Amino acid sequence: MALVGDASGSVDAITGEGLGIAFQQALALADALEREDLREYAAAHRRIARRPAFMADFMLLMDRWPLLRKRALQVFANRPDIFARLLAMHVGELPVLDFAAASFGLAWRMLL
């Protein structure tokens, strides 16, 4: 048995990338089935889900701490470029390494 998309545990209520992730996973599953090796799909699934899972954890962290959430939303309102970079990283348009710069910018602004 192999699951794709939301059924496989993806969480992405912010960007609407759920279908995009499901399509990527479906293609990876088709390749794995053609090779008769579901381990290949499991590895691809982890790779595809890594970025959205990280961002979901990040959003849930902000949800758990109201002060953190308030400061983050203030920063996003004052510096929409930081939010845009985080969103671009989330949907795969910005390399993960650039997330470090966006994260530092967010953290620095939250301390001010």
PDB file of N, CA and C in Angstrom:
ATOM      1  N   MET A   1       0.840  -1.157   0.000  1.00  0.00           N
ATOM      2  CA  MET A   1       0.000   0.000   0.000  1.00  0.00           C
ATOM      3  C   MET A   1       0.892   1.229   0.000  1.00  0.00           C
ATOM      4  N   ALA A   2       0.496   2.235  -0.753  1.00  0.00           N
ATOM      5  CA  ALA A   2       1.217   3.498  -0.795  1.00  0.00           C
ATOM      6  C   ALA A   2       0.197   4.628  -0.824  1.00  0.00           C
ATOM      7  N   LEU A   3       0.462   5.656  -0.049  1.00  0.00           N
ATOM      8  CA  LEU A   3      -0.427   6.810   0.022  1.00  0.00           C
ATOM      9  C   LEU A   3       0.254   8.029  -0.579  1.00  0.00           C
ATOM     10  N   VAL A   4      -0.553   8.920  -1.153  1.00  0.00           N
ATOM     11  CA  VAL A   4      -0.033  10.170  -1.692  1.00  0.00           C
ATOM     12  C   VAL A   4      -0.883  11.324  -1.171  1.00  0.00           C
ATOM     13  N   GLY A   5      -0.314  12.529  -1.249  1.00  0.00           N
ATOM     14  CA  GLY A   5      -1.053  13.735  -0.892  1.00  0.00           C
ATOM     15  C   GLY A   5      -1.448  13.769   0.567  1.00  0.00           C
ATOM     16  N   ASP A   6      -2.613  14.372   0.833  1.00  0.00           N
ATOM     17  CA  ASP A   6      -3.083  14.528   2.206  1.00  0.00           C
ATOM     18  C   ASP A   6      -3.196  13.199   2.937  1.00  0.00           C
ATOM     19  N   ALA A   7      -3.554  12.154   2.231  1.00  0.00           N
ATOM     20  CA  ALA A   7      -3.688  10.831   2.852  1.00  0.00           C
ATOM     21  C   ALA A   7      -2.357  10.326   3.390  1.00  0.00           C
ATOM     22  N   SER A   8      -1.250  10.850   2.861  1.00  0.00           N
ATOM     23  CA  SER A   8       0.063  10.390   3.293  1.00  0.00           C
ATOM     24  C   SER A   8       0.659  11.275   4.382  1.00  0.00           C
ATOM     25  N   GLY A   9      -0.166  12.204   4.901  1.00  0.00           N
ATOM     26  CA  GLY A   9       0.285  12.998   6.038  1.00  0.00           C
ATOM     27  C   GLY A   9       0.747  14.393   5.706  1.00  0.00           C
ATOM     28  N   SER A  10       0.518  14.867   4.496  1.00  0.00           N
ATOM     29  CA  SER A  10       0.966  16.220   4.180  1.00  0.00           C
ATOM     30  C   SER A  10       0.046  17.243   4.819  1.00  0.00           C
ATOM     31  N   VAL A  11       0.646  18.362   5.223  1.00  0.00           N
ATOM     32  CA  VAL A  11      -0.098  19.450   5.847  1.00  0.00           C
ATOM     33  C   VAL A  11       0.302  20.731   5.134  1.00  0.00           C
ATOM     34  N   ASP A  12      -0.623  21.342   4.438  1.00  0.00           N
ATOM     35  CA  ASP A  12      -0.300  22.576   3.737  1.00  0.00           C
ATOM     36  C   ASP A  12      -1.568  23.386   3.503  1.00  0.00           C
ATOM     37  N   ALA A  13      -2.056  23.987   4.568  1.00  0.00           N
ATOM     38  CA  ALA A  13      -3.287  24.767   4.449  1.00  0.00           C
ATOM     39  C   ALA A  13      -3.027  26.218   4.065  1.00  0.00           C
ATOM     40  N   ILE A  14      -1.785  26.623   3.964  1.00  0.00           N
ATOM     41  CA  ILE A  14      -1.471  28.022   3.703  1.00  0.00           C
ATOM     42  C   ILE A  14      -1.338  28.315   2.214  1.00  0.00           C
ATOM     43  N   THR A  15      -0.564  27.525   1.493  1.00  0.00           N
ATOM     44  CA  THR A  15      -0.229  27.876   0.106  1.00  0.00           C
ATOM     45  C   THR A  15      -1.059  27.165  -0.936  1.00  0.00           C
ATOM     46  N   GLY A  16      -1.824  26.165  -0.549  1.00  0.00           N
ATOM     47  CA  GLY A  16      -2.582  25.413  -1.539  1.00  0.00           C
ATOM     48  C   GLY A  16      -1.708  24.487  -2.359  1.00  0.00           C
ATOM     49  N   GLU A  17      -0.535  24.192  -1.862  1.00  0.00           N
ATOM     50  CA  GLU A  17       0.390  23.314  -2.573  1.00  0.00           C
ATOM     51  C   GLU A  17       0.064  21.843  -2.398  1.00  0.00           C
ATOM     52  N   GLY A  18      -1.007  21.526  -1.681  1.00  0.00           N
ATOM     53  CA  GLY A  18      -1.347  20.134  -1.419  1.00  0.00           C
ATOM     54  C   GLY A  18      -1.480  19.315  -2.689  1.00  0.00           C
ATOM     55  N   LEU A  19      -2.167  19.855  -3.694  1.00  0.00           N
ATOM     56  CA  LEU A  19      -2.304  19.136  -4.967  1.00  0.00           C
ATOM     57  C   LEU A  19      -0.961  18.991  -5.664  1.00  0.00           C
ATOM     58  N   GLY A  20      -0.155  20.043  -5.642  1.00  0.00           N
ATOM     59  CA  GLY A  20       1.165  19.968  -6.271  1.00  0.00           C
ATOM     60  C   GLY A  20       2.019  18.885  -5.639  1.00  0.00           C
ATOM     61  N   ILE A  21       1.974  18.811  -4.311  1.00  0.00           N
ATOM     62  CA  ILE A  21       2.724  17.775  -3.601  1.00  0.00           C
ATOM     63  C   ILE A  21       2.174  16.399  -3.958  1.00  0.00           C
ATOM     64  N   ALA A  22       0.850  16.282  -4.003  1.00  0.00           N
ATOM     65  CA  ALA A  22       0.235  15.002  -4.344  1.00  0.00           C
ATOM     66  C   ALA A  22       0.648  14.556  -5.750  1.00  0.00           C
ATOM     67  N   PHE A  23       0.714  15.489  -6.696  1.00  0.00           N
ATOM     68  CA  PHE A  23       1.123  15.134  -8.064  1.00  0.00           C
ATOM     69  C   PHE A  23       2.584  14.688  -8.094  1.00  0.00           C
ATOM     70  N   GLN A  24       3.450  15.388  -7.357  1.00  0.00           N
ATOM     71  CA  GLN A  24       4.860  14.976  -7.298  1.00  0.00           C
ATOM     72  C   GLN A  24       4.978  13.574  -6.705  1.00  0.00           C
ATOM     73  N   GLN A  25       4.223  13.333  -5.643  1.00  0.00           N
ATOM     74  CA  GLN A  25       4.267  12.023  -5.012  1.00  0.00           C
ATOM     75  C   GLN A  25       3.699  10.949  -5.937  1.00  0.00           C
ATOM     76  N   ALA A  26       2.644  11.273  -6.670  1.00  0.00           N
ATOM     77  CA  ALA A  26       2.051  10.294  -7.592  1.00  0.00           C
ATOM     78  C   ALA A  26       3.048   9.918  -8.687  1.00  0.00           C
ATOM     79  N   LEU A  27       3.788  10.906  -9.200  1.00  0.00           N
ATOM     80  CA  LEU A  27       4.808  10.605 -10.209  1.00  0.00           C
ATOM     81  C   LEU A  27       5.910   9.726  -9.621  1.00  0.00           C
ATOM     82  N   ALA A  28       6.331  10.047  -8.398  1.00  0.00           N
ATOM     83  CA  ALA A  28       7.365   9.231  -7.744  1.00  0.00           C
ATOM     84  C   ALA A  28       6.848   7.818  -7.500  1.00  0.00           C
ATOM     85  N   LEU A  29       5.573   7.687  -7.124  1.00  0.00           N
ATOM     86  CA  LEU A  29       4.987   6.373  -6.908  1.00  0.00           C
ATOM     87  C   LEU A  29       4.931   5.578  -8.216  1.00  0.00           C
ATOM     88  N   ALA A  30       4.543   6.239  -9.300  1.00  0.00           N
ATOM     89  CA  ALA A  30       4.493   5.559 -10.603  1.00  0.00           C
ATOM     90  C   ALA A  30       5.876   5.043 -10.992  1.00  0.00           C
ATOM     91  N   ASP A  31       6.909   5.852 -10.782  1.00  0.00           N
ATOM     92  CA  ASP A  31       8.280   5.414 -11.089  1.00  0.00           C
ATOM     93  C   ASP A  31       8.667   4.216 -10.232  1.00  0.00           C
ATOM     94  N   ALA A  32       8.329   4.277  -8.938  1.00  0.00           N
ATOM     95  CA  ALA A  32       8.677   3.175  -8.036  1.00  0.00           C
ATOM     96  C   ALA A  32       7.926   1.899  -8.403  1.00  0.00           C
ATOM     97  N   LEU A  33       6.663   2.030  -8.780  1.00  0.00           N
ATOM     98  CA  LEU A  33       5.892   0.849  -9.180  1.00  0.00           C
ATOM     99  C   LEU A  33       6.454   0.244 -10.466  1.00  0.00           C
ATOM    100  N   GLU A  34       6.888   1.103 -11.372  1.00  0.00           N
ATOM    101  CA  GLU A  34       7.489   0.608 -12.615  1.00  0.00           C
ATOM    102  C   GLU A  34       8.760  -0.184 -12.319  1.00  0.00           C
ATOM    103  N   ARG A  35       9.513   0.264 -11.315  1.00  0.00           N
ATOM    104  CA  ARG A  35      10.750  -0.432 -10.933  1.00  0.00           C
ATOM    105  C   ARG A  35      10.484  -1.545  -9.915  1.00  0.00           C
ATOM    106  N   GLU A  36       9.225  -1.661  -9.485  1.00  0.00           N
ATOM    107  CA  GLU A  36       8.811  -2.658  -8.498  1.00  0.00           C
ATOM    108  C   GLU A  36       9.597  -2.533  -7.197  1.00  0.00           C
ATOM    109  N   ASP A  37       9.742  -1.274  -6.739  1.00  0.00           N
ATOM    110  CA  ASP A  37      10.494  -1.012  -5.515  1.00  0.00           C
ATOM    111  C   ASP A  37       9.845   0.150  -4.761  1.00  0.00           C
ATOM    112  N   LEU A  38       8.965  -0.177  -3.814  1.00  0.00           N
ATOM    113  CA  LEU A  38       8.289   0.871  -3.049  1.00  0.00           C
ATOM    114  C   LEU A  38       9.225   1.612  -2.101  1.00  0.00           C
ATOM    115  N   ARG A  39      10.389   1.032  -1.820  1.00  0.00           N
ATOM    116  CA  ARG A  39      11.370   1.764  -1.005  1.00  0.00           C
ATOM    117  C   ARG A  39      11.797   3.039  -1.713  1.00  0.00           C
ATOM    118  N   GLU A  40      11.856   2.974  -3.028  1.00  0.00           N
ATOM    119  CA  GLU A  40      12.202   4.159  -3.815  1.00  0.00           C
ATOM    120  C   GLU A  40      11.149   5.255  -3.608  1.00  0.00           C
ATOM    121  N   TYR A  41       9.876   4.850  -3.565  1.00  0.00           N
ATOM    122  CA  TYR A  41       8.816   5.825  -3.318  1.00  0.00           C
ATOM    123  C   TYR A  41       8.919   6.383  -1.903  1.00  0.00           C
ATOM    124  N   ALA A  42       9.214   5.545  -0.939  1.00  0.00           N
ATOM    125  CA  ALA A  42       9.331   6.014   0.442  1.00  0.00           C
ATOM    126  C   ALA A  42      10.405   7.093   0.559  1.00  0.00           C
ATOM    127  N   ALA A  43      11.526   6.889  -0.107  1.00  0.00           N
ATOM    128  CA  ALA A  43      12.604   7.881  -0.074  1.00  0.00           C
ATOM    129  C   ALA A  43      12.172   9.171  -0.770  1.00  0.00           C
ATOM    130  N   ALA A  44      11.527   9.041  -1.922  1.00  0.00           N
ATOM    131  CA  ALA A  44      11.062  10.222  -2.651  1.00  0.00           C
ATOM    132  C   ALA A  44      10.002  10.963  -1.840  1.00  0.00           C
ATOM    133  N   HIS A  45       9.136  10.220  -1.195  1.00  0.00           N
ATOM    134  CA  HIS A  45       8.079  10.833  -0.378  1.00  0.00           C
ATOM    135  C   HIS A  45       8.693  11.669   0.735  1.00  0.00           C
ATOM    136  N   ARG A  46       9.699  11.125   1.415  1.00  0.00           N
ATOM    137  CA  ARG A  46      10.362  11.876   2.486  1.00  0.00           C
ATOM    138  C   ARG A  46      10.976  13.161   1.934  1.00  0.00           C
ATOM    139  N   ARG A  47      11.619  13.060   0.775  1.00  0.00           N
ATOM    140  CA  ARG A  47      12.253  14.232   0.163  1.00  0.00           C
ATOM    141  C   ARG A  47      11.204  15.276  -0.203  1.00  0.00           C
ATOM    142  N   ILE A  48      10.124  14.865  -0.825  1.00  0.00           N
ATOM    143  CA  ILE A  48       9.071  15.788  -1.265  1.00  0.00           C
ATOM    144  C   ILE A  48       8.383  16.433  -0.060  1.00  0.00           C
ATOM    145  N   ALA A  49       8.195  15.677   1.010  1.00  0.00           N
ATOM    146  CA  ALA A  49       7.448  16.168   2.169  1.00  0.00           C
ATOM    147  C   ALA A  49       8.298  16.975   3.149  1.00  0.00           C
ATOM    148  N   ARG A  50       9.607  16.920   3.012  1.00  0.00           N
ATOM    149  CA  ARG A  50      10.498  17.560   3.992  1.00  0.00           C
ATOM    150  C   ARG A  50      10.230  19.055   4.137  1.00  0.00           C
ATOM    151  N   ARG A  51      10.180  19.773   3.036  1.00  0.00           N
ATOM    152  CA  ARG A  51      10.020  21.227   3.080  1.00  0.00           C
ATOM    153  C   ARG A  51       8.647  21.621   3.655  1.00  0.00           C
ATOM    154  N   PRO A  52       7.543  21.056   3.157  1.00  0.00           N
ATOM    155  CA  PRO A  52       6.244  21.422   3.737  1.00  0.00           C
ATOM    156  C   PRO A  52       6.125  21.043   5.214  1.00  0.00           C
ATOM    157  N   ALA A  53       6.716  19.926   5.611  1.00  0.00           N
ATOM    158  CA  ALA A  53       6.658  19.514   7.015  1.00  0.00           C
ATOM    159  C   ALA A  53       7.413  20.505   7.891  1.00  0.00           C
ATOM    160  N   PHE A  54       8.550  20.965   7.408  1.00  0.00           N
ATOM    161  CA  PHE A  54       9.329  21.950   8.153  1.00  0.00           C
ATOM    162  C   PHE A  54       8.522  23.226   8.353  1.00  0.00           C
ATOM    163  N   MET A  55       7.898  23.695   7.277  1.00  0.00           N
ATOM    164  CA  MET A  55       7.115  24.927   7.372  1.00  0.00           C
ATOM    165  C   MET A  55       5.895  24.727   8.267  1.00  0.00           C
ATOM    166  N   ALA A  56       5.268  23.565   8.223  1.00  0.00           N
ATOM    167  CA  ALA A  56       4.129  23.299   9.106  1.00  0.00           C
ATOM    168  C   ALA A  56       4.582  23.340  10.560  1.00  0.00           C
ATOM    169  N   ASP A  57       5.732  22.750  10.854  1.00  0.00           N
ATOM    170  CA  ASP A  57       6.275  22.793  12.215  1.00  0.00           C
ATOM    171  C   ASP A  57       6.553  24.231  12.637  1.00  0.00           C
ATOM    172  N   PHE A  58       7.083  25.028  11.711  1.00  0.00           N
ATOM    173  CA  PHE A  58       7.380  26.432  11.984  1.00  0.00           C
ATOM    174  C   PHE A  58       6.091  27.194  12.314  1.00  0.00           C
ATOM    175  N   MET A  59       5.048  26.969  11.536  1.00  0.00           N
ATOM    176  CA  MET A  59       3.772  27.644  11.776  1.00  0.00           C
ATOM    177  C   MET A  59       3.146  27.178  13.093  1.00  0.00           C
ATOM    178  N   LEU A  60       3.251  25.889  13.393  1.00  0.00           N
ATOM    179  CA  LEU A  60       2.700  25.387  14.653  1.00  0.00           C
ATOM    180  C   LEU A  60       3.474  25.920  15.853  1.00  0.00           C
ATOM    181  N   LEU A  61       4.771  26.141  15.696  1.00  0.00           N
ATOM    182  CA  LEU A  61       5.567  26.751  16.760  1.00  0.00           C
ATOM    183  C   LEU A  61       5.038  28.148  17.061  1.00  0.00           C
ATOM    184  N   MET A  62       4.777  28.915  16.016  1.00  0.00           N
ATOM    185  CA  MET A  62       4.228  30.256  16.229  1.00  0.00           C
ATOM    186  C   MET A  62       2.844  30.182  16.864  1.00  0.00           C
ATOM    187  N   ASP A  63       2.069  29.170  16.530  1.00  0.00           N
ATOM    188  CA  ASP A  63       0.736  29.023  17.101  1.00  0.00           C
ATOM    189  C   ASP A  63       0.792  28.735  18.597  1.00  0.00           C
ATOM    190  N   ARG A  64       1.804  27.991  19.027  1.00  0.00           N
ATOM    191  CA  ARG A  64       1.913  27.611  20.441  1.00  0.00           C
ATOM    192  C   ARG A  64       2.298  28.781  21.335  1.00  0.00           C
ATOM    193  N   TRP A  65       2.977  29.767  20.775  1.00  0.00           N
ATOM    194  CA  TRP A  65       3.488  30.889  21.558  1.00  0.00           C
ATOM    195  C   TRP A  65       2.853  32.190  21.043  1.00  0.00           C
ATOM    196  N   PRO A  66       1.790  32.666  21.703  1.00  0.00           N
ATOM    197  CA  PRO A  66       1.079  33.859  21.231  1.00  0.00           C
ATOM    198  C   PRO A  66       1.983  35.086  21.046  1.00  0.00           C
ATOM    199  N   LEU A  67       2.933  35.301  21.946  1.00  0.00           N
ATOM    200  CA  LEU A  67       3.822  36.453  21.807  1.00  0.00           C
ATOM    201  C   LEU A  67       4.701  36.305  20.566  1.00  0.00           C
ATOM    202  N   LEU A  68       5.206  35.092  20.346  1.00  0.00           N
ATOM    203  CA  LEU A  68       6.010  34.822  19.153  1.00  0.00           C
ATOM    204  C   LEU A  68       5.182  35.059  17.895  1.00  0.00           C
ATOM    205  N   ARG A  69       3.954  34.568  17.893  1.00  0.00           N
ATOM    206  CA  ARG A  69       3.061  34.760  16.743  1.00  0.00           C
ATOM    207  C   ARG A  69       2.800  36.249  16.501  1.00  0.00           C
ATOM    208  N   LYS A  70       2.514  36.979  17.571  1.00  0.00           N
ATOM    209  CA  LYS A  70       2.236  38.414  17.437  1.00  0.00           C
ATOM    210  C   LYS A  70       3.432  39.150  16.839  1.00  0.00           C
ATOM    211  N   ARG A  71       4.619  38.859  17.345  1.00  0.00           N
ATOM    212  CA  ARG A  71       5.834  39.525  16.829  1.00  0.00           C
ATOM    213  C   ARG A  71       6.089  39.124  15.381  1.00  0.00           C
ATOM    214  N   ALA A  72       5.913  37.847  15.053  1.00  0.00           N
ATOM    215  CA  ALA A  72       6.135  37.396  13.675  1.00  0.00           C
ATOM    216  C   ALA A  72       5.162  38.098  12.730  1.00  0.00           C
ATOM    217  N   LEU A  73       3.906  38.202  13.113  1.00  0.00           N
ATOM    218  CA  LEU A  73       2.931  38.866  12.252  1.00  0.00           C
ATOM    219  C   LEU A  73       3.238  40.356  12.103  1.00  0.00           C
ATOM    220  N   GLN A  74       3.751  40.981  13.166  1.00  0.00           N
ATOM    221  CA  GLN A  74       4.166  42.381  13.057  1.00  0.00           C
ATOM    222  C   GLN A  74       5.321  42.529  12.063  1.00  0.00           C
ATOM    223  N   VAL A  75       6.277  41.615  12.159  1.00  0.00           N
ATOM    224  CA  VAL A  75       7.408  41.654  11.230  1.00  0.00           C
ATOM    225  C   VAL A  75       6.920  41.435   9.793  1.00  0.00           C
ATOM    226  N   PHE A  76       6.050  40.452   9.597  1.00  0.00           N
ATOM    227  CA  PHE A  76       5.537  40.183   8.248  1.00  0.00           C
ATOM    228  C   PHE A  76       4.784  41.395   7.702  1.00  0.00           C
ATOM    229  N   ALA A  77       4.043  42.094   8.571  1.00  0.00           N
ATOM    230  CA  ALA A  77       3.302  43.277   8.122  1.00  0.00           C
ATOM    231  C   ALA A  77       4.251  44.418   7.742  1.00  0.00           C
ATOM    232  N   ASN A  78       5.312  44.577   8.530  1.00  0.00           N
ATOM    233  CA  ASN A  78       6.268  45.657   8.270  1.00  0.00           C
ATOM    234  C   ASN A  78       7.293  45.315   7.201  1.00  0.00           C
ATOM    235  N   ARG A  79       7.574  44.035   7.043  1.00  0.00           N
ATOM    236  CA  ARG A  79       8.581  43.582   6.080  1.00  0.00           C
ATOM    237  C   ARG A  79       8.005  42.445   5.244  1.00  0.00           C
ATOM    238  N   PRO A  80       7.087  42.736   4.334  1.00  0.00           N
ATOM    239  CA  PRO A  80       6.479  41.670   3.534  1.00  0.00           C
ATOM    240  C   PRO A  80       7.490  40.884   2.705  1.00  0.00           C
ATOM    241  N   ASP A  81       8.663  41.469   2.460  1.00  0.00           N
ATOM    242  CA  ASP A  81       9.691  40.740   1.718  1.00  0.00           C
ATOM    243  C   ASP A  81      10.166  39.514   2.490  1.00  0.00           C
ATOM    244  N   ILE A  82      10.201  39.593   3.820  1.00  0.00           N
ATOM    245  CA  ILE A  82      10.611  38.441   4.620  1.00  0.00           C
ATOM    246  C   ILE A  82       9.571  37.338   4.494  1.00  0.00           C
ATOM    247  N   PHE A  83       8.289  37.705   4.593  1.00  0.00           N
ATOM    248  CA  PHE A  83       7.229  36.714   4.425  1.00  0.00           C
ATOM    249  C   PHE A  83       7.278  36.113   3.024  1.00  0.00           C
ATOM    250  N   ALA A  84       7.503  36.958   2.010  1.00  0.00           N
ATOM    251  CA  ALA A  84       7.562  36.477   0.622  1.00  0.00           C
ATOM    252  C   ALA A  84       8.697  35.473   0.450  1.00  0.00           C
ATOM    253  N   ARG A  85       9.843  35.703   1.094  1.00  0.00           N
ATOM    254  CA  ARG A  85      10.968  34.771   0.981  1.00  0.00           C
ATOM    255  C   ARG A  85      10.665  33.451   1.674  1.00  0.00           C
ATOM    256  N   LEU A  86      10.021  33.510   2.835  1.00  0.00           N
ATOM    257  CA  LEU A  86       9.641  32.279   3.523  1.00  0.00           C
ATOM    258  C   LEU A  86       8.640  31.484   2.690  1.00  0.00           C
ATOM    259  N   LEU A  87       7.681  32.171   2.099  1.00  0.00           N
ATOM    260  CA  LEU A  87       6.694  31.500   1.267  1.00  0.00           C
ATOM    261  C   LEU A  87       7.345  30.918   0.015  1.00  0.00           C
ATOM    262  N   ALA A  88       8.275  31.653  -0.594  1.00  0.00           N
ATOM    263  CA  ALA A  88       8.983  31.159  -1.780  1.00  0.00           C
ATOM    264  C   ALA A  88       9.791  29.903  -1.446  1.00  0.00           C
ATOM    265  N   MET A  89      10.422  29.880  -0.277  1.00  0.00           N
ATOM    266  CA  MET A  89      11.156  28.681   0.135  1.00  0.00           C
ATOM    267  C   MET A  89      10.186  27.524   0.328  1.00  0.00           C
ATOM    268  N   HIS A  90       9.042  27.824   0.921  1.00  0.00           N
ATOM    269  CA  HIS A  90       8.056  26.778   1.204  1.00  0.00           C
ATOM    270  C   HIS A  90       7.555  26.094  -0.063  1.00  0.00           C
ATOM    271  N   VAL A  91       7.353  26.854  -1.128  1.00  0.00           N
ATOM    272  CA  VAL A  91       6.821  26.259  -2.361  1.00  0.00           C
ATOM    273  C   VAL A  91       7.927  25.833  -3.321  1.00  0.00           C
ATOM    274  N   GLY A  92       9.193  25.927  -2.876  1.00  0.00           N
ATOM    275  CA  GLY A  92      10.295  25.417  -3.682  1.00  0.00           C
ATOM    276  C   GLY A  92      10.868  26.391  -4.686  1.00  0.00           C
ATOM    277  N   GLU A  93      10.505  27.653  -4.611  1.00  0.00           N
ATOM    278  CA  GLU A  93      11.037  28.647  -5.543  1.00  0.00           C
ATOM    279  C   GLU A  93      12.315  29.302  -5.033  1.00  0.00           C
ATOM    280  N   LEU A  94      12.671  29.032  -3.806  1.00  0.00           N
ATOM    281  CA  LEU A  94      13.868  29.592  -3.191  1.00  0.00           C
ATOM    282  C   LEU A  94      14.622  28.446  -2.535  1.00  0.00           C
ATOM    283  N   PRO A  95      15.924  28.332  -2.772  1.00  0.00           N
ATOM    284  CA  PRO A  95      16.688  27.238  -2.166  1.00  0.00           C
ATOM    285  C   PRO A  95      16.603  27.262  -0.643  1.00  0.00           C
ATOM    286  N   VAL A  96      16.656  26.086  -0.047  1.00  0.00           N
ATOM    287  CA  VAL A  96      16.545  25.965   1.404  1.00  0.00           C
ATOM    288  C   VAL A  96      17.627  26.782   2.097  1.00  0.00           C
ATOM    289  N   LEU A  97      18.828  26.847   1.522  1.00  0.00           N
ATOM    290  CA  LEU A  97      19.903  27.621   2.151  1.00  0.00           C
ATOM    291  C   LEU A  97      19.522  29.084   2.282  1.00  0.00           C
ATOM    292  N   ASP A  98      18.752  29.597   1.346  1.00  0.00           N
ATOM    293  CA  ASP A  98      18.302  30.985   1.444  1.00  0.00           C
ATOM    294  C   ASP A  98      17.294  31.157   2.568  1.00  0.00           C
ATOM    295  N   PHE A  99      16.707  30.055   3.019  1.00  0.00           N
ATOM    296  CA  PHE A  99      15.798  30.138   4.154  1.00  0.00           C
ATOM    297  C   PHE A  99      16.540  30.626   5.386  1.00  0.00           C
ATOM    298  N   ALA A 100      17.813  30.251   5.509  1.00  0.00           N
ATOM    299  CA  ALA A 100      18.599  30.693   6.662  1.00  0.00           C
ATOM    300  C   ALA A 100      18.640  32.213   6.721  1.00  0.00           C
ATOM    301  N   ALA A 101      18.842  32.851   5.582  1.00  0.00           N
ATOM    302  CA  ALA A 101      18.876  34.310   5.545  1.00  0.00           C
ATOM    303  C   ALA A 101      17.512  34.895   5.916  1.00  0.00           C
ATOM    304  N   ALA A 102      16.445  34.312   5.383  1.00  0.00           N
ATOM    305  CA  ALA A 102      15.100  34.795   5.698  1.00  0.00           C
ATOM    306  C   ALA A 102      14.796  34.557   7.176  1.00  0.00           C
ATOM    307  N   SER A 103      15.209  33.422   7.708  1.00  0.00           N
ATOM    308  CA  SER A 103      14.969  33.112   9.122  1.00  0.00           C
ATOM    309  C   SER A 103      15.725  34.074  10.015  1.00  0.00           C
ATOM    310  N   PHE A 104      16.961  34.360   9.636  1.00  0.00           N
ATOM    311  CA  PHE A 104      17.766  35.307  10.420  1.00  0.00           C
ATOM    312  C   PHE A 104      17.103  36.676  10.394  1.00  0.00           C
ATOM    313  N   GLY A 105      16.633  37.089   9.213  1.00  0.00           N
ATOM    314  CA  GLY A 105      15.952  38.379   9.101  1.00  0.00           C
ATOM    315  C   GLY A 105      14.712  38.427   9.972  1.00  0.00           C
ATOM    316  N   LEU A 106      13.947  37.352   9.980  1.00  0.00           N
ATOM    317  CA  LEU A 106      12.753  37.290  10.818  1.00  0.00           C
ATOM    318  C   LEU A 106      13.133  37.338  12.295  1.00  0.00           C
ATOM    319  N   ALA A 107      14.083  36.501  12.684  1.00  0.00           N
ATOM    320  CA  ALA A 107      14.500  36.450  14.095  1.00  0.00           C
ATOM    321  C   ALA A 107      15.046  37.800  14.550  1.00  0.00           C
ATOM    322  N   TRP A 108      15.866  38.429  13.724  1.00  0.00           N
ATOM    323  CA  TRP A 108      16.451  39.718  14.089  1.00  0.00           C
ATOM    324  C   TRP A 108      15.357  40.768  14.271  1.00  0.00           C
ATOM    325  N   ARG A 109      14.411  40.819  13.334  1.00  0.00           N
ATOM    326  CA  ARG A 109      13.319  41.803  13.435  1.00  0.00           C
ATOM    327  C   ARG A 109      12.437  41.529  14.636  1.00  0.00           C
ATOM    328  N   MET A 110      12.286  40.274  15.008  1.00  0.00           N
ATOM    329  CA  MET A 110      11.441  39.954  16.157  1.00  0.00           C
ATOM    330  C   MET A 110      12.082  40.406  17.456  1.00  0.00           C
ATOM    331  N   LEU A 111      13.415  40.483  17.475  1.00  0.00           N
ATOM    332  CA  LEU A 111      14.116  40.927  18.676  1.00  0.00           C
ATOM    333  C   LEU A 111      14.106  42.436  18.838  1.00  0.00           C
ATOM    334  N   LEU A 112      13.901  43.144  17.736  1.00  0.00           N
ATOM    335  CA  LEU A 112      13.923  44.615  17.793  1.00  0.00           C
ATOM    336  C   LEU A 112      12.700  45.183  18.465  1.00  0.00           C
TER     337      LEU A 112
END
